[in-house]
Amino acid sequence: MWGSEPSLQWVDFCGISVLQFCNGERAKEEAITHFEKLFEILGERKSSVLKAIDASKKLRLDKFQTQMEEYQGLLENNGLVGYAQEVLKETDQSCFVQTAKQLHLRIQKATESLKSFRPAAQTSFEDYVVNTSKQTELLGELSFFSSGIDVPEINEEQSKVYNNALINWHHPEKDKADSYVLEYRKINRDEEMLSWNEIEVCGTSKVISDLEIFSFLFDEKCGYNNEHLLLNLKRDRVESRAGFNLLLAAERIQVGYFTSLDYIIGDVGITKGKHFWAFRVEPYSYLVKVGVASSDKLQEWLRSPRDAVSPRYEQDSGHDSGSEDTCFDSSQPFTLVTIGMKKFFIPRSPTSSNEPENRVLPMPTSIGVFLDYDKGKVGFYDMDHMKCLYERQVDCSHTMYPAFALMGSGGIQLEEPITATYLEYQETM
């Protein structure tokens, strides 16, 4: 159903291979099949042509052999030379003259035969020269077949993917199509490709259910500071109340001091496999850091004093202190990105431009985190466009937890599982 997209994307982090990628792979498989069929036809033609040449060569060699044996016979005892030797032995004059006349006639015939000698078969194989100019020209023009019908394209802005997926597509000629065939296949956390599924759809959207996501709530016990953070009863939303508390603590702030981040983590750890979760950062948030951290690193952070004499005291403080750059090349047991003031900040990298305009992106409405524990890799995604914003290696030698930190006013809301009923309602909108 789908055509080639400008960028092949897939969302294996939420259990489904996005249709652009799937159909791209299907198109690739079909192209390979067509080329293999051409190779098979060429192989058959090659075998046929070579067999015809070999058969003609054998037939001609047989004719040459027969002709050579005939002329060789003239030189042997039963040939012309042998007959002449017998004539010379004749002692009777009248008999000699008679046989000599016969010998003379045979020599004349043999001489005439030699003058008009022609090989019994052609030595040239010009009739067996393969002319591939026409076929070469046709193969050079080999291209994708177009039926003249516009191919449907996935509408990423209207599509939603999490624990359920709403796949929405646009087709300029939808009035001419009675139905579509939607093809997809899911990927489980063990990276196993499940079988292809085909669904006939009468409209231009479809809900796909039961995708795997990583489900957790905020941990109200480990490191949670209820003086600075406010956690709702469902434990899926946290807000920073540090604004008023900071004013109360202002008398303790001296020159060279700063207020540390307030951490909160997920209540479920990760020890293997692929996991994906999503959340929203409130637009009014001043500074929020999100990502993953190991159990050991979290204990180190949570044991640290609430105030330190330098921003360099906290290795990933969110300030441009330079401390983050010194260990960027090595794999660390944590990765956090900074979000705030409606911006998403790409961490510094020694291999890319560190100019602010290249590192600052608009803050997505919803942000996804994909952790591949076994490969030691973490990625951050714009959920609205299913686009990877940042990816790097992370040391997963210990249990990893979703980690969040806030400073100043801010709020984080975990994305709730999308119900199929909601998506079906969106589908009819």
Protein backbone atom coordinates (compact mmCIF):
# COMPACT_ATOMS: atom_id res chain seq x y z
CA MET A 1 0.00 0.00 0.00
CA TRP A 2 2.75 2.42 0.93
CA GLY A 3 5.33 3.98 -1.34
CA SER A 4 8.91 5.05 -0.67
CA GLU A 5 9.29 7.78 1.92
CA PRO A 6 12.00 10.48 1.94
CA SER A 7 13.31 9.15 5.25
CA LEU A 8 12.91 5.59 6.44
CA GLN A 9 11.96 5.58 10.09
CA TRP A 10 10.93 2.87 12.48
CA VAL A 11 9.69 2.90 15.98
CA ASP A 12 10.89 -0.42 17.34
CA PHE A 13 11.13 1.24 20.74
CA CYS A 14 7.37 0.97 21.06
CA GLY A 15 7.05 -2.50 19.59
CA ILE A 16 6.09 -1.74 15.99
CA SER A 17 8.14 -1.21 12.91
CA VAL A 18 6.83 1.97 11.33
CA LEU A 19 5.20 1.24 8.02
CA GLN A 20 7.63 3.27 5.94
CA PHE A 21 10.44 0.96 6.98
CA CYS A 22 8.39 -2.22 6.69
CA ASN A 23 7.13 -1.41 3.24
CA GLY A 24 10.57 -0.24 2.22
CA GLU A 25 11.89 -3.66 3.19
CA ARG A 26 9.02 -5.32 1.36
CA ALA A 27 9.78 -3.23 -1.77
CA LYS A 28 13.44 -4.19 -1.45
CA GLU A 29 12.56 -7.89 -1.24
CA GLU A 30 10.31 -7.60 -4.29
CA ALA A 31 13.04 -5.79 -6.25
CA ILE A 32 15.53 -8.54 -5.35
CA THR A 33 13.00 -11.15 -6.53
CA HIS A 34 12.58 -9.37 -9.89
CA PHE A 35 16.34 -9.11 -10.39
CA GLU A 36 16.83 -12.75 -9.45
CA LYS A 37 14.23 -13.65 -12.06
CA LEU A 38 16.17 -11.65 -14.65
CA PHE A 39 19.39 -13.39 -13.58
CA GLU A 40 17.63 -16.74 -13.93
CA ILE A 41 16.44 -15.90 -17.47
CA LEU A 42 19.93 -14.69 -18.40
CA GLY A 43 21.41 -17.87 -16.96
CA GLU A 44 19.03 -20.02 -19.01
CA ARG A 45 19.76 -18.07 -22.20
CA LYS A 46 23.49 -18.27 -21.52
CA SER A 47 23.29 -22.04 -21.07
CA SER A 48 21.18 -22.41 -24.26
CA VAL A 49 23.56 -20.30 -26.38
CA LEU A 50 26.66 -22.10 -25.14
CA LYS A 51 25.06 -25.50 -25.81
CA ALA A 52 24.20 -24.43 -29.39
CA ILE A 53 27.79 -23.30 -29.99
CA ASP A 54 29.19 -26.55 -28.59
CA ALA A 55 26.80 -28.64 -30.74
CA SER A 56 27.74 -26.71 -33.91
CA LYS A 57 31.42 -27.02 -33.10
CA LYS A 58 31.14 -30.80 -32.66
CA LEU A 59 29.20 -31.21 -35.94
CA ARG A 60 31.78 -29.23 -37.87
CA LEU A 61 34.68 -31.11 -36.35
CA ASP A 62 33.01 -34.40 -37.37
CA LYS A 63 32.68 -33.17 -40.97
CA PHE A 64 36.30 -32.04 -41.04
CA GLN A 65 37.39 -35.42 -39.68
CA THR A 66 35.47 -37.27 -42.41
CA GLN A 67 36.89 -35.04 -45.14
CA MET A 68 40.41 -35.46 -43.80
CA GLU A 69 40.02 -39.23 -43.78
CA GLU A 70 38.89 -39.17 -47.44
CA TYR A 71 41.94 -37.23 -48.58
CA GLN A 72 44.22 -39.23 -46.36
CA GLY A 73 42.94 -42.35 -48.16
CA LEU A 74 44.44 -41.08 -51.43
CA LEU A 75 47.87 -41.39 -49.89
CA GLU A 76 47.43 -44.85 -48.48
CA ASN A 77 47.73 -48.31 -50.16
CA ASN A 78 44.08 -48.47 -51.12
CA GLY A 79 44.24 -45.01 -52.63
CA LEU A 80 45.70 -43.40 -55.73
CA VAL A 81 49.33 -43.96 -54.72
CA GLY A 82 48.73 -47.65 -54.06
CA TYR A 83 46.98 -48.06 -57.41
CA ALA A 84 49.94 -46.41 -59.21
CA GLN A 85 52.34 -48.80 -57.50
CA GLU A 86 50.30 -51.77 -58.75
CA VAL A 87 50.27 -50.40 -62.33
CA LEU A 88 54.05 -50.15 -62.34
CA LYS A 89 54.26 -53.83 -61.50
CA GLU A 90 52.32 -54.79 -64.66
CA THR A 91 54.62 -56.60 -67.19
CA ASP A 92 52.13 -57.13 -70.01
CA GLN A 93 52.27 -54.16 -72.35
CA SER A 94 48.63 -54.10 -73.39
CA CYS A 95 47.45 -54.45 -69.80
CA PHE A 96 49.86 -51.75 -68.66
CA VAL A 97 48.52 -49.31 -71.26
CA GLN A 98 44.94 -50.02 -70.20
CA THR A 99 45.59 -49.57 -66.49
CA ALA A 100 47.76 -46.50 -67.13
CA LYS A 101 44.83 -44.81 -68.89
CA GLN A 102 42.63 -45.50 -65.85
CA LEU A 103 45.35 -44.17 -63.56
CA HIS A 104 45.63 -41.05 -65.70
CA LEU A 105 41.88 -40.42 -65.45
CA ARG A 106 41.90 -40.87 -61.68
CA ILE A 107 44.86 -38.49 -61.32
CA GLN A 108 43.00 -35.90 -63.42
CA LYS A 109 39.91 -36.22 -61.23
CA ALA A 110 41.98 -35.96 -58.05
CA THR A 111 43.77 -32.89 -59.43
CA GLU A 112 40.48 -31.21 -60.34
CA SER A 113 39.12 -32.08 -56.93
CA LEU A 114 42.09 -30.43 -55.23
CA LYS A 115 41.67 -27.30 -57.34
CA SER A 116 38.06 -26.92 -56.17
CA PHE A 117 38.72 -27.98 -52.54
CA ARG A 118 36.39 -26.54 -49.97
CA PRO A 119 36.21 -27.38 -46.26
CA ALA A 120 33.32 -29.65 -45.43
CA ALA A 121 32.04 -27.06 -42.88
CA GLN A 122 32.40 -23.34 -42.25
CA THR A 123 35.26 -22.32 -40.00
CA SER A 124 33.61 -19.03 -38.99
CA PHE A 125 31.13 -18.75 -36.13
CA GLU A 126 29.77 -15.38 -37.19
CA ASP A 127 26.24 -16.73 -37.02
CA TYR A 128 26.74 -17.35 -33.30
CA VAL A 129 27.75 -13.83 -32.22
CA VAL A 130 25.33 -12.73 -29.48
CA ASN A 131 23.89 -9.28 -30.07
CA THR A 132 22.93 -7.75 -26.70
CA SER A 133 22.78 -4.10 -27.74
CA LYS A 134 18.97 -3.95 -27.62
CA GLN A 135 18.76 -5.80 -24.32
CA THR A 136 21.55 -3.66 -22.83
CA GLU A 137 19.62 -0.51 -23.76
CA LEU A 138 16.44 -1.90 -22.19
CA LEU A 139 18.25 -2.89 -18.99
CA GLY A 140 19.82 0.55 -18.84
CA GLU A 141 16.34 2.05 -18.81
CA LEU A 142 15.13 -0.31 -16.08
CA SER A 143 13.28 1.72 -13.45
CA PHE A 144 10.40 1.59 -11.02
CA PHE A 145 7.00 0.97 -12.48
CA SER A 146 4.50 3.74 -11.99
CA SER A 147 0.82 3.04 -12.34
CA GLY A 148 0.08 6.74 -12.55
CA ILE A 149 -1.78 6.56 -9.20
CA ASP A 150 -0.56 8.64 -6.26
CA VAL A 151 0.77 6.45 -3.46
CA PRO A 152 -0.65 7.03 0.05
CA GLU A 153 1.72 8.69 2.51
CA ILE A 154 1.74 8.37 6.29
CA ASN A 155 0.61 11.54 8.06
CA GLU A 156 3.05 11.70 10.96
CA GLU A 157 1.39 14.69 12.63
CA GLN A 158 -1.95 12.88 12.92
CA SER A 159 -0.44 9.48 13.74
CA LYS A 160 0.14 8.48 17.37
CA VAL A 161 2.28 5.59 18.60
CA TYR A 162 2.71 4.40 22.18
CA ASN A 163 1.13 1.32 23.75
CA ASN A 164 -1.44 1.57 20.94
CA ALA A 165 -0.90 3.13 17.56
CA LEU A 166 -3.10 5.26 15.36
CA ILE A 167 -1.71 5.08 11.84
CA ASN A 168 -3.11 7.83 9.65
CA TRP A 169 -2.34 8.28 5.97
CA HIS A 170 -3.14 10.77 3.24
CA HIS A 171 -4.20 9.82 -0.27
CA PRO A 172 -5.00 12.54 -2.86
CA GLU A 173 -7.21 10.12 -4.78
CA LYS A 174 -8.99 8.57 -1.80
CA ASP A 175 -12.35 8.91 -3.58
CA LYS A 176 -11.10 6.44 -6.19
CA ALA A 177 -10.03 3.83 -3.62
CA ASP A 178 -12.68 1.57 -2.09
CA SER A 179 -10.26 0.19 0.50
CA TYR A 180 -6.58 -0.09 1.44
CA VAL A 181 -4.45 -2.99 2.65
CA LEU A 182 -2.40 -2.02 5.71
CA GLU A 183 0.69 -4.19 6.24
CA TYR A 184 2.69 -4.12 9.47
CA ARG A 185 4.65 -6.31 11.83
CA LYS A 186 5.57 -5.86 15.46
CA ILE A 187 8.96 -6.23 17.14
CA ASN A 188 9.19 -7.59 20.66
CA ARG A 189 11.76 -6.63 23.29
CA ASP A 190 14.02 -9.50 22.21
CA GLU A 191 14.25 -7.80 18.78
CA GLU A 192 12.41 -10.67 17.13
CA MET A 193 10.48 -9.82 14.00
CA LEU A 194 6.97 -11.18 14.27
CA SER A 195 4.97 -12.28 11.25
CA TRP A 196 3.48 -9.79 8.83
CA ASN A 197 -0.11 -8.75 9.35
CA GLU A 198 -2.47 -7.49 6.67
CA ILE A 199 -5.66 -5.59 7.40
CA GLU A 200 -8.15 -4.28 4.87
CA VAL A 201 -9.16 -0.74 5.82
CA CYS A 202 -12.02 1.20 4.29
CA GLY A 203 -10.89 4.60 5.59
CA THR A 204 -7.52 6.34 5.80
CA SER A 205 -6.54 5.38 9.36
CA LYS A 206 -6.31 2.32 11.57
CA VAL A 207 -5.69 1.56 15.25
CA ILE A 208 -3.09 -1.12 16.07
CA SER A 209 -3.29 -2.36 19.65
CA ASP A 210 -1.16 -4.14 22.26
CA LEU A 211 2.30 -2.65 21.67
CA GLU A 212 4.96 -3.09 24.35
CA ILE A 213 6.04 -0.09 26.44
CA PHE A 214 7.94 0.31 29.71
CA SER A 215 5.45 1.14 32.46
CA PHE A 216 6.47 2.78 35.74
CA LEU A 217 5.48 5.51 38.22
CA PHE A 218 7.52 8.09 40.10
CA ASP A 219 9.21 6.64 43.19
CA GLU A 220 8.05 8.48 46.32
CA LYS A 221 10.63 6.82 48.56
CA CYS A 222 14.01 6.88 46.86
CA GLY A 223 15.40 10.43 46.94
CA TYR A 224 12.02 12.14 46.76
CA ASN A 225 12.12 15.50 48.55
CA ASN A 226 8.59 16.57 49.44
CA GLU A 227 9.82 20.01 50.49
CA HIS A 228 10.81 20.86 46.93
CA LEU A 229 8.73 18.45 44.85
CA LEU A 230 4.99 17.83 44.73
CA LEU A 231 3.88 14.36 43.60
CA ASN A 232 0.23 13.69 42.75
CA LEU A 233 -1.67 10.71 44.17
CA LYS A 234 -1.38 8.70 40.97
CA ARG A 235 2.41 9.24 41.07
CA ASP A 236 2.51 10.02 37.35
CA ARG A 237 3.05 13.78 37.69
CA VAL A 238 5.66 15.77 39.62
CA GLU A 239 6.03 19.53 40.04
CA SER A 240 8.83 21.60 41.48
CA ARG A 241 7.91 23.92 44.34
CA ALA A 242 11.43 25.22 44.66
CA GLY A 243 10.45 28.79 43.87
CA PHE A 244 9.10 29.64 47.37
CA ASN A 245 11.54 27.36 49.18
CA LEU A 246 14.42 29.03 47.38
CA LEU A 247 13.31 32.39 48.76
CA LEU A 248 13.19 30.95 52.26
CA ALA A 249 16.69 29.55 51.84
CA ALA A 250 18.09 32.71 50.27
CA GLU A 251 19.88 33.73 53.47
CA ARG A 252 22.05 30.59 53.14
CA ILE A 253 23.10 31.36 49.56
CA GLN A 254 26.47 33.09 49.39
CA VAL A 255 28.71 34.10 46.51
CA GLY A 256 30.00 31.01 44.67
CA TYR A 257 27.20 28.75 45.87
CA PHE A 258 24.31 27.29 43.90
CA THR A 259 21.22 25.25 44.62
CA SER A 260 21.38 21.62 43.47
CA LEU A 261 18.87 19.70 41.40
CA ASP A 262 15.98 17.80 42.97
CA TYR A 263 15.96 14.23 41.70
CA ILE A 264 13.11 11.77 41.33
CA ILE A 265 13.31 8.37 39.62
CA GLY A 266 11.07 5.64 38.30
CA ASP A 267 9.98 2.88 40.66
CA VAL A 268 11.00 0.08 38.26
CA GLY A 269 14.57 -0.75 37.29
CA ILE A 270 15.86 -2.18 34.01
CA THR A 271 18.33 -5.06 33.83
CA LYS A 272 17.98 -6.26 30.23
CA GLY A 273 16.19 -5.77 26.91
CA LYS A 274 14.75 -2.78 25.08
CA HIS A 275 12.45 -0.31 26.81
CA PHE A 276 10.63 2.85 25.82
CA TRP A 277 8.68 5.41 27.80
CA ALA A 278 7.34 8.89 27.17
CA PHE A 279 6.50 12.01 29.14
CA ARG A 280 5.66 15.70 28.78
CA VAL A 281 7.59 18.61 30.25
CA GLU A 282 5.42 21.57 31.13
CA PRO A 283 6.17 24.59 28.90
CA TYR A 284 6.67 26.88 31.92
CA SER A 285 9.50 24.71 33.28
CA TYR A 286 12.74 26.58 33.93
CA LEU A 287 15.21 23.65 34.07
CA VAL A 288 14.46 19.95 33.83
CA LYS A 289 16.89 17.10 33.21
CA VAL A 290 15.65 13.73 31.97
CA GLY A 291 17.26 10.44 30.99
CA VAL A 292 18.62 7.30 32.62
CA ALA A 293 21.04 6.60 35.46
CA SER A 294 22.47 3.53 37.15
CA SER A 295 21.61 2.56 40.70
CA ASP A 296 25.18 3.34 41.84
CA LYS A 297 25.16 6.79 40.26
CA LEU A 298 21.79 7.61 41.78
CA GLN A 299 23.02 6.71 45.25
CA GLU A 300 25.99 9.02 44.72
CA TRP A 301 23.76 11.87 43.64
CA LEU A 302 21.20 11.38 46.39
CA ARG A 303 23.89 11.30 49.06
CA SER A 304 25.43 14.56 47.83
CA PRO A 305 24.87 17.70 49.94
CA ARG A 306 22.09 19.92 48.74
CA ASP A 307 24.44 22.87 48.28
CA ALA A 308 27.94 22.80 46.82
CA VAL A 309 30.59 25.43 46.36
CA SER A 310 30.87 25.10 42.58
CA PRO A 311 28.76 23.99 39.64
CA ARG A 312 31.60 21.59 38.83
CA TYR A 313 30.74 19.63 41.96
CA GLU A 314 27.81 18.07 40.13
CA GLN A 315 29.12 16.41 37.00
CA ASP A 316 25.93 16.80 34.98
CA SER A 317 24.55 19.95 36.57
CA GLY A 318 23.07 21.41 33.41
CA HIS A 319 25.43 24.38 33.50
CA ASP A 320 28.06 24.95 30.84
CA SER A 321 30.84 24.38 33.33
CA GLY A 322 32.91 22.21 31.03
CA SER A 323 32.87 19.22 33.38
CA GLU A 324 30.49 17.32 31.14
CA ASP A 325 32.88 17.56 28.21
CA THR A 326 35.81 15.94 29.97
CA CYS A 327 34.14 12.53 30.19
CA PHE A 328 31.98 12.64 27.09
CA ASP A 329 34.14 10.23 25.09
CA SER A 330 33.86 7.45 27.66
CA SER A 331 30.67 5.55 28.31
CA GLN A 332 29.09 6.81 31.54
CA PRO A 333 26.57 5.10 33.85
CA PHE A 334 24.06 7.89 33.16
CA THR A 335 22.84 10.18 30.41
CA LEU A 336 20.67 13.21 31.06
CA VAL A 337 19.59 15.93 28.66
CA THR A 338 18.54 19.42 29.63
CA ILE A 339 15.09 20.82 28.87
CA GLY A 340 13.83 24.23 29.85
CA MET A 341 12.33 27.51 28.71
CA LYS A 342 10.58 25.63 25.88
CA LYS A 343 13.93 24.40 24.52
CA PHE A 344 15.61 21.01 24.15
CA PHE A 345 19.38 21.20 24.60
CA ILE A 346 21.63 18.71 22.77
CA PRO A 347 24.59 17.83 25.06
CA ARG A 348 28.02 18.97 24.01
CA SER A 349 30.07 16.69 21.79
CA PRO A 350 33.76 16.82 20.75
CA THR A 351 32.79 15.52 17.28
CA SER A 352 30.16 18.11 16.38
CA SER A 353 29.60 21.83 16.50
CA ASN A 354 28.97 23.15 20.00
CA GLU A 355 27.58 26.47 18.89
CA PRO A 356 24.33 27.23 20.77
CA GLU A 357 22.29 27.54 17.57
CA ASN A 358 23.26 23.97 16.64
CA ARG A 359 22.53 22.52 20.07
CA VAL A 360 19.21 24.17 20.93
CA LEU A 361 15.97 22.75 19.51
CA PRO A 362 12.32 23.59 20.14
CA MET A 363 10.95 21.51 23.02
CA PRO A 364 8.71 18.71 21.71
CA THR A 365 5.21 18.41 23.13
CA SER A 366 5.99 14.82 24.13
CA ILE A 367 9.45 13.29 24.61
CA GLY A 368 10.31 9.61 24.40
CA VAL A 369 13.31 7.77 25.84
CA PHE A 370 14.49 4.50 24.32
CA LEU A 371 16.99 2.40 26.29
CA ASP A 372 18.65 -0.62 24.73
CA TYR A 373 20.20 -2.15 27.85
CA ASP A 374 22.02 -4.99 26.08
CA LYS A 375 23.69 -2.70 23.51
CA GLY A 376 24.29 0.09 26.04
CA LYS A 377 22.54 2.81 24.04
CA VAL A 378 20.00 5.47 24.94
CA GLY A 379 18.05 7.74 22.58
CA PHE A 380 15.70 10.69 22.99
CA TYR A 381 12.78 11.12 20.59
CA ASP A 382 10.30 13.73 19.45
CA MET A 383 7.09 11.76 19.84
CA ASP A 384 5.10 14.10 17.59
CA HIS A 385 7.23 13.26 14.57
CA MET A 386 8.77 9.93 15.68
CA LYS A 387 12.21 11.49 15.19
CA CYS A 388 15.42 10.79 17.13
CA LEU A 389 16.82 14.01 18.61
CA TYR A 390 19.89 12.63 20.38
CA GLU A 391 21.53 9.24 20.93
CA ARG A 392 24.65 8.04 22.71
CA GLN A 393 26.28 5.09 24.48
CA VAL A 394 25.63 4.53 28.18
CA ASP A 395 27.22 2.13 30.66
CA CYS A 396 24.55 -0.42 31.61
CA SER A 397 26.64 -2.60 33.90
CA HIS A 398 24.19 -1.96 36.78
CA THR A 399 20.43 -1.64 37.10
CA MET A 400 19.24 1.41 35.14
CA TYR A 401 16.36 3.67 36.19
CA PRO A 402 14.41 6.44 34.45
CA ALA A 403 15.83 9.59 36.05
CA PHE A 404 14.42 13.10 36.31
CA ALA A 405 15.66 16.28 37.95
CA LEU A 406 14.10 19.73 38.37
CA MET A 407 15.34 23.16 39.36
CA GLY A 408 13.13 26.18 39.81
CA SER A 409 9.56 26.07 38.60
CA GLY A 410 8.70 23.06 36.48
CA GLY A 411 6.58 19.98 35.96
CA ILE A 412 6.77 16.52 34.37
CA GLN A 413 3.80 14.38 33.37
CA LEU A 414 4.27 10.72 32.43
CA GLU A 415 2.37 9.81 29.30
CA GLU A 416 -0.64 7.69 30.12
CA PRO A 417 -1.30 4.55 28.09
CA ILE A 418 -3.47 5.40 25.11
CA THR A 419 -6.75 3.53 25.08
CA ALA A 420 -7.89 2.04 21.80
CA THR A 421 -11.26 3.75 22.37
CA TYR A 422 -9.57 7.16 22.44
CA LEU A 423 -7.69 6.45 19.24
CA GLU A 424 -10.81 5.20 17.54
CA TYR A 425 -12.50 8.45 18.55
CA GLN A 426 -9.56 10.40 17.12
CA GLU A 427 -9.81 8.27 13.99
CA THR A 428 -13.40 9.38 13.40
CA MET A 429 -12.62 13.07 13.99
